[in-house]
Amino acid sequence: MLERILESNGEHRTCLEKQMHGYLTELGFVNRVDFYEQYPSGRYILDFAFVISRNPFKGVDLEVDGAKWHNSPEQRRRDGFRTHTLKQKGWTVLRFGETFTIEQVKEALVCNGILPSS
């Protein structure tokens, strides 16, 4: 299953995930070199993961949260719990809503020390 997730060709991306992937590519990041899509971490699947170091573990998770799935009070509670759990495992979780720009993505990544490998 992990191989299937990591070898995804993007056919099952949401519109927001397609937008984020396009922005990351435009910023010079390379999929499966700089970042991973649909990256498994414990019981969660992260939208876009940047692994900074493995020992000690440190990573950045970019989540794109569409209003349809992330706007209810119950879902916001679940998202908060997920963020808390991931932070305990060494992840920094950056959430982007329905409207985000390439400049906001770039600024968030630079603020977390992430630059393209090329």
PDB file of N, CA and C in Angstrom:
ATOM      1  N   MET A   1       0.816  -1.194   0.000  1.00  0.00           N
ATOM      2  CA  MET A   1       0.000   0.000   0.000  1.00  0.00           C
ATOM      3  C   MET A   1       0.859   1.257   0.000  1.00  0.00           C
ATOM      4  N   LEU A   2       1.936   1.290   0.797  1.00  0.00           N
ATOM      5  CA  LEU A   2       2.816   2.449   0.839  1.00  0.00           C
ATOM      6  C   LEU A   2       3.354   2.771  -0.544  1.00  0.00           C
ATOM      7  N   GLU A   3       3.770   1.743  -1.295  1.00  0.00           N
ATOM      8  CA  GLU A   3       4.289   1.973  -2.631  1.00  0.00           C
ATOM      9  C   GLU A   3       3.235   2.605  -3.525  1.00  0.00           C
ATOM     10  N   ARG A   4       1.993   2.123  -3.400  1.00  0.00           N
ATOM     11  CA  ARG A   4       0.916   2.665  -4.212  1.00  0.00           C
ATOM     12  C   ARG A   4       0.687   4.137  -3.878  1.00  0.00           C
ATOM     13  N   ILE A   5       0.756   4.475  -2.611  1.00  0.00           N
ATOM     14  CA  ILE A   5       0.565   5.866  -2.207  1.00  0.00           C
ATOM     15  C   ILE A   5       1.690   6.729  -2.758  1.00  0.00           C
ATOM     16  N   LEU A   6       2.933   6.289  -2.569  1.00  0.00           N
ATOM     17  CA  LEU A   6       4.064   7.092  -2.990  1.00  0.00           C
ATOM     18  C   LEU A   6       4.209   7.157  -4.502  1.00  0.00           C
ATOM     19  N   GLU A   7       3.677   6.169  -5.222  1.00  0.00           N
ATOM     20  CA  GLU A   7       3.793   6.165  -6.667  1.00  0.00           C
ATOM     21  C   GLU A   7       2.569   6.774  -7.337  1.00  0.00           C
ATOM     22  N   SER A   8       1.726   7.413  -6.554  1.00  0.00           N
ATOM     23  CA  SER A   8       0.527   8.033  -7.107  1.00  0.00           C
ATOM     24  C   SER A   8       0.906   9.024  -8.192  1.00  0.00           C
ATOM     25  N   ASN A   9       0.157   9.010  -9.280  1.00  0.00           N
ATOM     26  CA  ASN A   9       0.440   9.941 -10.361  1.00  0.00           C
ATOM     27  C   ASN A   9      -0.402  11.203 -10.265  1.00  0.00           C
ATOM     28  N   GLY A  10      -1.070  11.402  -9.182  1.00  0.00           N
ATOM     29  CA  GLY A  10      -1.818  12.622  -8.970  1.00  0.00           C
ATOM     30  C   GLY A  10      -3.250  12.595  -9.464  1.00  0.00           C
ATOM     31  N   GLU A  11      -3.731  11.470  -9.970  1.00  0.00           N
ATOM     32  CA  GLU A  11      -5.086  11.406 -10.488  1.00  0.00           C
ATOM     33  C   GLU A  11      -6.135  11.628  -9.403  1.00  0.00           C
ATOM     34  N   HIS A  12      -5.810  11.378  -8.156  1.00  0.00           N
ATOM     35  CA  HIS A  12      -6.794  11.478  -7.075  1.00  0.00           C
ATOM     36  C   HIS A  12      -6.601  12.725  -6.235  1.00  0.00           C
ATOM     37  N   ARG A  13      -5.891  13.706  -6.739  1.00  0.00           N
ATOM     38  CA  ARG A  13      -5.711  14.954  -6.007  1.00  0.00           C
ATOM     39  C   ARG A  13      -6.994  15.782  -6.054  1.00  0.00           C
ATOM     40  N   THR A  14      -7.238  16.513  -4.964  1.00  0.00           N
ATOM     41  CA  THR A  14      -8.309  17.500  -4.981  1.00  0.00           C
ATOM     42  C   THR A  14      -7.829  18.712  -5.784  1.00  0.00           C
ATOM     43  N   CYS A  15      -8.737  19.606  -6.090  1.00  0.00           N
ATOM     44  CA  CYS A  15      -8.360  20.830  -6.818  1.00  0.00           C
ATOM     45  C   CYS A  15      -7.312  21.625  -6.036  1.00  0.00           C
ATOM     46  N   LEU A  16      -7.504  21.714  -4.724  1.00  0.00           N
ATOM     47  CA  LEU A  16      -6.537  22.454  -3.906  1.00  0.00           C
ATOM     48  C   LEU A  16      -5.178  21.750  -3.875  1.00  0.00           C
ATOM     49  N   GLU A  17      -5.178  20.425  -3.844  1.00  0.00           N
ATOM     50  CA  GLU A  17      -3.913  19.691  -3.872  1.00  0.00           C
ATOM     51  C   GLU A  17      -3.212  19.884  -5.216  1.00  0.00           C
ATOM     52  N   LYS A  18      -3.972  19.916  -6.301  1.00  0.00           N
ATOM     53  CA  LYS A  18      -3.385  20.184  -7.622  1.00  0.00           C
ATOM     54  C   LYS A  18      -2.763  21.578  -7.649  1.00  0.00           C
ATOM     55  N   GLN A  19      -3.466  22.541  -7.053  1.00  0.00           N
ATOM     56  CA  GLN A  19      -2.951  23.903  -6.995  1.00  0.00           C
ATOM     57  C   GLN A  19      -1.653  23.954  -6.194  1.00  0.00           C
ATOM     58  N   MET A  20      -1.632  23.310  -5.032  1.00  0.00           N
ATOM     59  CA  MET A  20      -0.422  23.306  -4.205  1.00  0.00           C
ATOM     60  C   MET A  20       0.722  22.621  -4.945  1.00  0.00           C
ATOM     61  N   HIS A  21       0.450  21.491  -5.576  1.00  0.00           N
ATOM     62  CA  HIS A  21       1.496  20.785  -6.325  1.00  0.00           C
ATOM     63  C   HIS A  21       2.064  21.696  -7.419  1.00  0.00           C
ATOM     64  N   GLY A  22       1.191  22.396  -8.113  1.00  0.00           N
ATOM     65  CA  GLY A  22       1.641  23.325  -9.154  1.00  0.00           C
ATOM     66  C   GLY A  22       2.515  24.430  -8.587  1.00  0.00           C
ATOM     67  N   TYR A  23       2.134  24.986  -7.453  1.00  0.00           N
ATOM     68  CA  TYR A  23       2.933  26.035  -6.824  1.00  0.00           C
ATOM     69  C   TYR A  23       4.297  25.502  -6.395  1.00  0.00           C
ATOM     70  N   LEU A  24       4.317  24.323  -5.775  1.00  0.00           N
ATOM     71  CA  LEU A  24       5.593  23.752  -5.334  1.00  0.00           C
ATOM     72  C   LEU A  24       6.517  23.523  -6.524  1.00  0.00           C
ATOM     73  N   THR A  25       5.960  23.009  -7.607  1.00  0.00           N
ATOM     74  CA  THR A  25       6.748  22.776  -8.814  1.00  0.00           C
ATOM     75  C   THR A  25       7.257  24.098  -9.382  1.00  0.00           C
ATOM     76  N   GLU A  26       6.390  25.091  -9.433  1.00  0.00           N
ATOM     77  CA  GLU A  26       6.777  26.401  -9.951  1.00  0.00           C
ATOM     78  C   GLU A  26       7.874  27.042  -9.101  1.00  0.00           C
ATOM     79  N   LEU A  27       7.860  26.765  -7.802  1.00  0.00           N
ATOM     80  CA  LEU A  27       8.894  27.291  -6.899  1.00  0.00           C
ATOM     81  C   LEU A  27      10.217  26.517  -7.005  1.00  0.00           C
ATOM     82  N   GLY A  28      10.225  25.440  -7.791  1.00  0.00           N
ATOM     83  CA  GLY A  28      11.467  24.700  -8.013  1.00  0.00           C
ATOM     84  C   GLY A  28      11.606  23.431  -7.206  1.00  0.00           C
ATOM     85  N   PHE A  29      10.582  23.043  -6.466  1.00  0.00           N
ATOM     86  CA  PHE A  29      10.638  21.809  -5.694  1.00  0.00           C
ATOM     87  C   PHE A  29      10.312  20.624  -6.594  1.00  0.00           C
ATOM     88  N   VAL A  30      10.968  19.505  -6.329  1.00  0.00           N
ATOM     89  CA  VAL A  30      10.784  18.302  -7.137  1.00  0.00           C
ATOM     90  C   VAL A  30      10.107  17.234  -6.281  1.00  0.00           C
ATOM     91  N   ASN A  31       8.991  16.703  -6.815  1.00  0.00           N
ATOM     92  CA  ASN A  31       8.257  15.646  -6.128  1.00  0.00           C
ATOM     93  C   ASN A  31       9.150  14.421  -5.971  1.00  0.00           C
ATOM     94  N   ARG A  32       9.132  13.824  -4.772  1.00  0.00           N
ATOM     95  CA  ARG A  32       9.903  12.637  -4.389  1.00  0.00           C
ATOM     96  C   ARG A  32      11.409  12.894  -4.332  1.00  0.00           C
ATOM     97  N   VAL A  33      11.793  14.172  -4.434  1.00  0.00           N
ATOM     98  CA  VAL A  33      13.170  14.577  -4.151  1.00  0.00           C
ATOM     99  C   VAL A  33      13.129  15.553  -2.973  1.00  0.00           C
ATOM    100  N   ASP A  34      12.393  16.646  -3.148  1.00  0.00           N
ATOM    101  CA  ASP A  34      12.256  17.654  -2.096  1.00  0.00           C
ATOM    102  C   ASP A  34      11.058  17.393  -1.189  1.00  0.00           C
ATOM    103  N   PHE A  35       9.992  16.867  -1.752  1.00  0.00           N
ATOM    104  CA  PHE A  35       8.775  16.644  -0.975  1.00  0.00           C
ATOM    105  C   PHE A  35       8.098  15.366  -1.453  1.00  0.00           C
ATOM    106  N   TYR A  36       7.160  14.907  -0.630  1.00  0.00           N
ATOM    107  CA  TYR A  36       6.391  13.707  -0.937  1.00  0.00           C
ATOM    108  C   TYR A  36       4.913  14.036  -0.824  1.00  0.00           C
ATOM    109  N   GLU A  37       4.126  13.542  -1.770  1.00  0.00           N
ATOM    110  CA  GLU A  37       2.673  13.685  -1.704  1.00  0.00           C
ATOM    111  C   GLU A  37       2.084  12.474  -1.004  1.00  0.00           C
ATOM    112  N   GLN A  38       1.000  12.709  -0.280  1.00  0.00           N
ATOM    113  CA  GLN A  38       0.281  11.621   0.374  1.00  0.00           C
ATOM    114  C   GLN A  38       1.237  10.739   1.184  1.00  0.00           C
ATOM    115  N   TYR A  39       1.991  11.390   2.052  1.00  0.00           N
ATOM    116  CA  TYR A  39       3.051  10.740   2.832  1.00  0.00           C
ATOM    117  C   TYR A  39       2.476  10.145   4.114  1.00  0.00           C
ATOM    118  N   PRO A  40       2.665   8.846   4.338  1.00  0.00           N
ATOM    119  CA  PRO A  40       2.130   8.234   5.558  1.00  0.00           C
ATOM    120  C   PRO A  40       2.978   8.586   6.787  1.00  0.00           C
ATOM    121  N   SER A  41       2.289   8.954   7.859  1.00  0.00           N
ATOM    122  CA  SER A  41       2.945   9.214   9.141  1.00  0.00           C
ATOM    123  C   SER A  41       2.020   8.701  10.232  1.00  0.00           C
ATOM    124  N   GLY A  42       2.352   7.533  10.760  1.00  0.00           N
ATOM    125  CA  GLY A  42       1.465   6.916  11.750  1.00  0.00           C
ATOM    126  C   GLY A  42       0.120   6.627  11.130  1.00  0.00           C
ATOM    127  N   ARG A  43      -0.930   7.084  11.794  1.00  0.00           N
ATOM    128  CA  ARG A  43      -2.266   6.811  11.268  1.00  0.00           C
ATOM    129  C   ARG A  43      -2.757   7.878  10.287  1.00  0.00           C
ATOM    130  N   TYR A  44      -1.903   8.832   9.977  1.00  0.00           N
ATOM    131  CA  TYR A  44      -2.293   9.921   9.086  1.00  0.00           C
ATOM    132  C   TYR A  44      -1.587   9.830   7.737  1.00  0.00           C
ATOM    133  N   ILE A  45      -2.234  10.423   6.730  1.00  0.00           N
ATOM    134  CA  ILE A  45      -1.628  10.604   5.416  1.00  0.00           C
ATOM    135  C   ILE A  45      -1.499  12.111   5.218  1.00  0.00           C
ATOM    136  N   LEU A  46      -0.267  12.587   5.068  1.00  0.00           N
ATOM    137  CA  LEU A  46      -0.012  14.018   4.945  1.00  0.00           C
ATOM    138  C   LEU A  46      -0.142  14.436   3.479  1.00  0.00           C
ATOM    139  N   ASP A  47      -0.718  15.612   3.245  1.00  0.00           N
ATOM    140  CA  ASP A  47      -0.888  16.072   1.869  1.00  0.00           C
ATOM    141  C   ASP A  47       0.462  16.237   1.172  1.00  0.00           C
ATOM    142  N   PHE A  48       1.348  17.045   1.752  1.00  0.00           N
ATOM    143  CA  PHE A  48       2.682  17.288   1.190  1.00  0.00           C
ATOM    144  C   PHE A  48       3.682  17.326   2.342  1.00  0.00           C
ATOM    145  N   ALA A  49       4.656  16.447   2.292  1.00  0.00           N
ATOM    146  CA  ALA A  49       5.610  16.326   3.397  1.00  0.00           C
ATOM    147  C   ALA A  49       7.023  16.668   2.939  1.00  0.00           C
ATOM    148  N   PHE A  50       7.696  17.461   3.739  1.00  0.00           N
ATOM    149  CA  PHE A  50       9.108  17.764   3.566  1.00  0.00           C
ATOM    150  C   PHE A  50       9.827  17.159   4.761  1.00  0.00           C
ATOM    151  N   VAL A  51      10.710  16.196   4.524  1.00  0.00           N
ATOM    152  CA  VAL A  51      11.464  15.574   5.608  1.00  0.00           C
ATOM    153  C   VAL A  51      12.790  16.317   5.698  1.00  0.00           C
ATOM    154  N   ILE A  52      12.997  16.997   6.822  1.00  0.00           N
ATOM    155  CA  ILE A  52      14.198  17.807   7.003  1.00  0.00           C
ATOM    156  C   ILE A  52      15.329  16.974   7.584  1.00  0.00           C
ATOM    157  N   SER A  53      15.041  16.199   8.608  1.00  0.00           N
ATOM    158  CA  SER A  53      16.062  15.303   9.186  1.00  0.00           C
ATOM    159  C   SER A  53      15.359  14.068   9.745  1.00  0.00           C
ATOM    160  N   ARG A  54      16.096  12.989   9.790  1.00  0.00           N
ATOM    161  CA  ARG A  54      15.511  11.732  10.273  1.00  0.00           C
ATOM    162  C   ARG A  54      15.937  11.408  11.703  1.00  0.00           C
ATOM    163  N   ASN A  55      17.065  11.934  12.149  1.00  0.00           N
ATOM    164  CA  ASN A  55      17.531  11.620  13.497  1.00  0.00           C
ATOM    165  C   ASN A  55      18.199  12.852  14.100  1.00  0.00           C
ATOM    166  N   PRO A  56      17.542  13.625  14.925  1.00  0.00           N
ATOM    167  CA  PRO A  56      16.149  13.447  15.339  1.00  0.00           C
ATOM    168  C   PRO A  56      15.212  13.829  14.198  1.00  0.00           C
ATOM    169  N   PHE A  57      14.025  13.250  14.218  1.00  0.00           N
ATOM    170  CA  PHE A  57      13.083  13.508  13.132  1.00  0.00           C
ATOM    171  C   PHE A  57      12.576  14.937  13.183  1.00  0.00           C
ATOM    172  N   LYS A  58      12.550  15.556  12.014  1.00  0.00           N
ATOM    173  CA  LYS A  58      11.958  16.883  11.860  1.00  0.00           C
ATOM    174  C   LYS A  58      11.403  16.965  10.446  1.00  0.00           C
ATOM    175  N   GLY A  59      10.150  17.408  10.318  1.00  0.00           N
ATOM    176  CA  GLY A  59       9.535  17.537   9.014  1.00  0.00           C
ATOM    177  C   GLY A  59       8.501  18.645   8.990  1.00  0.00           C
ATOM    178  N   VAL A  60       8.117  19.016   7.786  1.00  0.00           N
ATOM    179  CA  VAL A  60       7.079  20.022   7.590  1.00  0.00           C
ATOM    180  C   VAL A  60       5.978  19.398   6.753  1.00  0.00           C
ATOM    181  N   ASP A  61       4.768  19.513   7.234  1.00  0.00           N
ATOM    182  CA  ASP A  61       3.574  18.981   6.581  1.00  0.00           C
ATOM    183  C   ASP A  61       2.746  20.152   6.061  1.00  0.00           C
ATOM    184  N   LEU A  62       2.494  20.182   4.750  1.00  0.00           N
ATOM    185  CA  LEU A  62       1.603  21.178   4.169  1.00  0.00           C
ATOM    186  C   LEU A  62       0.244  20.529   3.969  1.00  0.00           C
ATOM    187  N   GLU A  63      -0.765  21.066   4.601  1.00  0.00           N
ATOM    188  CA  GLU A  63      -2.124  20.562   4.463  1.00  0.00           C
ATOM    189  C   GLU A  63      -2.961  21.604   3.735  1.00  0.00           C
ATOM    190  N   VAL A  64      -3.702  21.164   2.730  1.00  0.00           N
ATOM    191  CA  VAL A  64      -4.625  22.055   2.032  1.00  0.00           C
ATOM    192  C   VAL A  64      -6.034  21.650   2.449  1.00  0.00           C
ATOM    193  N   ASP A  65      -6.697  22.566   3.137  1.00  0.00           N
ATOM    194  CA  ASP A  65      -7.970  22.278   3.782  1.00  0.00           C
ATOM    195  C   ASP A  65      -9.127  22.961   3.057  1.00  0.00           C
ATOM    196  N   GLY A  66      -9.835  22.200   2.267  1.00  0.00           N
ATOM    197  CA  GLY A  66     -11.029  22.727   1.606  1.00  0.00           C
ATOM    198  C   GLY A  66     -12.146  22.925   2.614  1.00  0.00           C
ATOM    199  N   ALA A  67     -12.941  23.959   2.402  1.00  0.00           N
ATOM    200  CA  ALA A  67     -14.023  24.289   3.337  1.00  0.00           C
ATOM    201  C   ALA A  67     -15.028  23.151   3.468  1.00  0.00           C
ATOM    202  N   LYS A  68     -15.266  22.428   2.400  1.00  0.00           N
ATOM    203  CA  LYS A  68     -16.258  21.348   2.438  1.00  0.00           C
ATOM    204  C   LYS A  68     -15.906  20.307   3.497  1.00  0.00           C
ATOM    205  N   TRP A  69     -14.626  20.016   3.663  1.00  0.00           N
ATOM    206  CA  TRP A  69     -14.204  18.947   4.570  1.00  0.00           C
ATOM    207  C   TRP A  69     -13.607  19.449   5.876  1.00  0.00           C
ATOM    208  N   HIS A  70     -13.323  20.750   5.978  1.00  0.00           N
ATOM    209  CA  HIS A  70     -12.594  21.230   7.161  1.00  0.00           C
ATOM    210  C   HIS A  70     -13.253  22.426   7.838  1.00  0.00           C
ATOM    211  N   ASN A  71     -14.522  22.664   7.595  1.00  0.00           N
ATOM    212  CA  ASN A  71     -15.159  23.865   8.136  1.00  0.00           C
ATOM    213  C   ASN A  71     -16.058  23.613   9.331  1.00  0.00           C
ATOM    214  N   SER A  72     -16.480  22.392   9.557  1.00  0.00           N
ATOM    215  CA  SER A  72     -17.388  22.134  10.676  1.00  0.00           C
ATOM    216  C   SER A  72     -16.616  22.181  11.996  1.00  0.00           C
ATOM    217  N   PRO A  73     -17.295  22.512  13.091  1.00  0.00           N
ATOM    218  CA  PRO A  73     -16.621  22.514  14.392  1.00  0.00           C
ATOM    219  C   PRO A  73     -15.978  21.157  14.718  1.00  0.00           C
ATOM    220  N   GLU A  74     -16.668  20.070  14.387  1.00  0.00           N
ATOM    221  CA  GLU A  74     -16.123  18.733  14.664  1.00  0.00           C
ATOM    222  C   GLU A  74     -14.850  18.482  13.856  1.00  0.00           C
ATOM    223  N   GLN A  75     -14.842  18.866  12.595  1.00  0.00           N
ATOM    224  CA  GLN A  75     -13.657  18.650  11.772  1.00  0.00           C
ATOM    225  C   GLN A  75     -12.512  19.558  12.219  1.00  0.00           C
ATOM    226  N   ARG A  76     -12.815  20.771  12.619  1.00  0.00           N
ATOM    227  CA  ARG A  76     -11.755  21.663  13.127  1.00  0.00           C
ATOM    228  C   ARG A  76     -11.147  21.068  14.397  1.00  0.00           C
ATOM    229  N   ARG A  77     -11.982  20.455  15.241  1.00  0.00           N
ATOM    230  CA  ARG A  77     -11.466  19.792  16.446  1.00  0.00           C
ATOM    231  C   ARG A  77     -10.542  18.647  16.058  1.00  0.00           C
ATOM    232  N   ARG A  78     -10.976  17.838  15.080  1.00  0.00           N
ATOM    233  CA  ARG A  78     -10.137  16.721  14.612  1.00  0.00           C
ATOM    234  C   ARG A  78      -8.829  17.220  14.005  1.00  0.00           C
ATOM    235  N   ASP A  79      -8.915  18.294  13.220  1.00  0.00           N
ATOM    236  CA  ASP A  79      -7.701  18.863  12.624  1.00  0.00           C
ATOM    237  C   ASP A  79      -6.748  19.352  13.713  1.00  0.00           C
ATOM    238  N   GLY A  80      -7.303  19.974  14.755  1.00  0.00           N
ATOM    239  CA  GLY A  80      -6.458  20.436  15.862  1.00  0.00           C
ATOM    240  C   GLY A  80      -5.779  19.279  16.572  1.00  0.00           C
ATOM    241  N   PHE A  81      -6.515  18.201  16.801  1.00  0.00           N
ATOM    242  CA  PHE A  81      -5.929  17.015  17.433  1.00  0.00           C
ATOM    243  C   PHE A  81      -4.853  16.416  16.538  1.00  0.00           C
ATOM    244  N   ARG A  82      -5.115  16.335  15.257  1.00  0.00           N
ATOM    245  CA  ARG A  82      -4.137  15.803  14.296  1.00  0.00           C
ATOM    246  C   ARG A  82      -2.866  16.650  14.313  1.00  0.00           C
ATOM    247  N   THR A  83      -3.032  17.972  14.276  1.00  0.00           N
ATOM    248  CA  THR A  83      -1.874  18.871  14.314  1.00  0.00           C
ATOM    249  C   THR A  83      -1.075  18.647  15.587  1.00  0.00           C
ATOM    250  N   HIS A  84      -1.760  18.573  16.711  1.00  0.00           N
ATOM    251  CA  HIS A  84      -1.089  18.350  17.998  1.00  0.00           C
ATOM    252  C   HIS A  84      -0.310  17.027  17.978  1.00  0.00           C
ATOM    253  N   THR A  85      -0.937  15.967  17.490  1.00  0.00           N
ATOM    254  CA  THR A  85      -0.294  14.650  17.435  1.00  0.00           C
ATOM    255  C   THR A  85       0.935  14.681  16.535  1.00  0.00           C
ATOM    256  N   LEU A  86       0.820  15.303  15.369  1.00  0.00           N
ATOM    257  CA  LEU A  86       1.948  15.373  14.438  1.00  0.00           C
ATOM    258  C   LEU A  86       3.095  16.211  15.011  1.00  0.00           C
ATOM    259  N   LYS A  87       2.763  17.305  15.699  1.00  0.00           N
ATOM    260  CA  LYS A  87       3.807  18.132  16.317  1.00  0.00           C
ATOM    261  C   LYS A  87       4.609  17.320  17.335  1.00  0.00           C
ATOM    262  N   GLN A  88       3.929  16.459  18.089  1.00  0.00           N
ATOM    263  CA  GLN A  88       4.625  15.618  19.068  1.00  0.00           C
ATOM    264  C   GLN A  88       5.604  14.660  18.392  1.00  0.00           C
ATOM    265  N   LYS A  89       5.376  14.346  17.124  1.00  0.00           N
ATOM    266  CA  LYS A  89       6.241  13.429  16.380  1.00  0.00           C
ATOM    267  C   LYS A  89       7.313  14.159  15.579  1.00  0.00           C
ATOM    268  N   GLY A  90       7.401  15.500  15.726  1.00  0.00           N
ATOM    269  CA  GLY A  90       8.450  16.259  15.057  1.00  0.00           C
ATOM    270  C   GLY A  90       8.028  16.999  13.800  1.00  0.00           C
ATOM    271  N   TRP A  91       6.732  17.005  13.515  1.00  0.00           N
ATOM    272  CA  TRP A  91       6.239  17.696  12.334  1.00  0.00           C
ATOM    273  C   TRP A  91       5.840  19.123  12.677  1.00  0.00           C
ATOM    274  N   THR A  92       6.118  20.045  11.774  1.00  0.00           N
ATOM    275  CA  THR A  92       5.516  21.370  11.787  1.00  0.00           C
ATOM    276  C   THR A  92       4.391  21.300  10.770  1.00  0.00           C
ATOM    277  N   VAL A  93       3.182  21.642  11.169  1.00  0.00           N
ATOM    278  CA  VAL A  93       2.022  21.535  10.290  1.00  0.00           C
ATOM    279  C   VAL A  93       1.627  22.936   9.831  1.00  0.00           C
ATOM    280  N   LEU A  94       1.630  23.128   8.514  1.00  0.00           N
ATOM    281  CA  LEU A  94       1.218  24.385   7.910  1.00  0.00           C
ATOM    282  C   LEU A  94      -0.076  24.133   7.147  1.00  0.00           C
ATOM    283  N   ARG A  95      -1.128  24.847   7.527  1.00  0.00           N
ATOM    284  CA  ARG A  95      -2.440  24.637   6.905  1.00  0.00           C
ATOM    285  C   ARG A  95      -2.781  25.804   5.989  1.00  0.00           C
ATOM    286  N   PHE A  96      -3.258  25.451   4.798  1.00  0.00           N
ATOM    287  CA  PHE A  96      -3.686  26.433   3.814  1.00  0.00           C
ATOM    288  C   PHE A  96      -5.155  26.187   3.506  1.00  0.00           C
ATOM    289  N   GLY A  97      -5.951  27.244   3.504  1.00  0.00           N
ATOM    290  CA  GLY A  97      -7.381  27.130   3.256  1.00  0.00           C
ATOM    291  C   GLY A  97      -7.716  27.200   1.777  1.00  0.00           C
ATOM    292  N   GLU A  98      -8.933  27.604   1.491  1.00  0.00           N
ATOM    293  CA  GLU A  98      -9.443  27.650   0.122  1.00  0.00           C
ATOM    294  C   GLU A  98      -8.669  28.618  -0.764  1.00  0.00           C
ATOM    295  N   THR A  99      -8.218  29.712  -0.197  1.00  0.00           N
ATOM    296  CA  THR A  99      -7.516  30.721  -0.993  1.00  0.00           C
ATOM    297  C   THR A  99      -6.113  30.898  -0.449  1.00  0.00           C
ATOM    298  N   PHE A 100      -5.141  30.516  -1.254  1.00  0.00           N
ATOM    299  CA  PHE A 100      -3.750  30.738  -0.893  1.00  0.00           C
ATOM    300  C   PHE A 100      -2.988  31.064  -2.164  1.00  0.00           C
ATOM    301  N   THR A 101      -1.937  31.825  -2.000  1.00  0.00           N
ATOM    302  CA  THR A 101      -1.152  32.261  -3.153  1.00  0.00           C
ATOM    303  C   THR A 101       0.210  31.589  -3.144  1.00  0.00           C
ATOM    304  N   ILE A 102       0.861  31.629  -4.267  1.00  0.00           N
ATOM    305  CA  ILE A 102       2.206  31.074  -4.361  1.00  0.00           C
ATOM    306  C   ILE A 102       3.154  31.832  -3.427  1.00  0.00           C
ATOM    307  N   GLU A 103       2.910  33.130  -3.258  1.00  0.00           N
ATOM    308  CA  GLU A 103       3.750  33.925  -2.360  1.00  0.00           C
ATOM    309  C   GLU A 103       3.592  33.463  -0.909  1.00  0.00           C
ATOM    310  N   GLN A 104       2.366  33.134  -0.503  1.00  0.00           N
ATOM    311  CA  GLN A 104       2.146  32.643   0.863  1.00  0.00           C
ATOM    312  C   GLN A 104       2.823  31.299   1.079  1.00  0.00           C
ATOM    313  N   VAL A 105       2.765  30.437   0.083  1.00  0.00           N
ATOM    314  CA  VAL A 105       3.421  29.130   0.192  1.00  0.00           C
ATOM    315  C   VAL A 105       4.930  29.327   0.306  1.00  0.00           C
ATOM    316  N   LYS A 106       5.485  30.146  -0.567  1.00  0.00           N
ATOM    317  CA  LYS A 106       6.932  30.399  -0.548  1.00  0.00           C
ATOM    318  C   LYS A 106       7.369  30.969   0.799  1.00  0.00           C
ATOM    319  N   GLU A 107       6.634  31.966   1.290  1.00  0.00           N
ATOM    320  CA  GLU A 107       6.979  32.592   2.571  1.00  0.00           C
ATOM    321  C   GLU A 107       6.937  31.574   3.713  1.00  0.00           C
ATOM    322  N   ALA A 108       5.909  30.740   3.740  1.00  0.00           N
ATOM    323  CA  ALA A 108       5.792  29.736   4.805  1.00  0.00           C
ATOM    324  C   ALA A 108       6.949  28.747   4.758  1.00  0.00           C
ATOM    325  N   LEU A 109       7.333  28.322   3.554  1.00  0.00           N
ATOM    326  CA  LEU A 109       8.441  27.375   3.436  1.00  0.00           C
ATOM    327  C   LEU A 109       9.770  28.020   3.826  1.00  0.00           C
ATOM    328  N   VAL A 110      10.018  29.213   3.332  1.00  0.00           N
ATOM    329  CA  VAL A 110      11.279  29.920   3.659  1.00  0.00           C
ATOM    330  C   VAL A 110      11.374  30.157   5.165  1.00  0.00           C
ATOM    331  N   CYS A 111      10.257  30.533   5.798  1.00  0.00           N
ATOM    332  CA  CYS A 111      10.247  30.750   7.248  1.00  0.00           C
ATOM    333  C   CYS A 111      10.596  29.478   8.022  1.00  0.00           C
ATOM    334  N   ASN A 112      10.373  28.330   7.398  1.00  0.00           N
ATOM    335  CA  ASN A 112      10.686  27.050   8.036  1.00  0.00           C
ATOM    336  C   ASN A 112      11.981  26.444   7.497  1.00  0.00           C
ATOM    337  N   GLY A 113      12.764  27.261   6.792  1.00  0.00           N
ATOM    338  CA  GLY A 113      14.092  26.834   6.326  1.00  0.00           C
ATOM    339  C   GLY A 113      14.067  25.861   5.158  1.00  0.00           C
ATOM    340  N   ILE A 114      13.006  25.872   4.373  1.00  0.00           N
ATOM    341  CA  ILE A 114      12.903  24.922   3.269  1.00  0.00           C
ATOM    342  C   ILE A 114      13.121  25.645   1.945  1.00  0.00           C
ATOM    343  N   LEU A 115      14.126  25.204   1.217  1.00  0.00           N
ATOM    344  CA  LEU A 115      14.446  25.755  -0.098  1.00  0.00           C
ATOM    345  C   LEU A 115      14.555  24.594  -1.077  1.00  0.00           C
ATOM    346  N   PRO A 116      14.279  24.846  -2.367  1.00  0.00           N
ATOM    347  CA  PRO A 116      14.398  23.756  -3.349  1.00  0.00           C
ATOM    348  C   PRO A 116      15.826  23.223  -3.411  1.00  0.00           C
ATOM    349  N   SER A 117      15.964  21.939  -3.750  1.00  0.00           N
ATOM    350  CA  SER A 117      17.304  21.324  -3.820  1.00  0.00           C
ATOM    351  C   SER A 117      18.085  21.801  -5.026  1.00  0.00           C
ATOM    352  N   SER A 118      17.394  22.273  -6.066  1.00  0.00           N
ATOM    353  CA  SER A 118      18.112  22.701  -7.279  1.00  0.00           C
ATOM    354  C   SER A 118      18.589  24.126  -7.210  1.00  0.00           C
TER     355      SER A 118
END
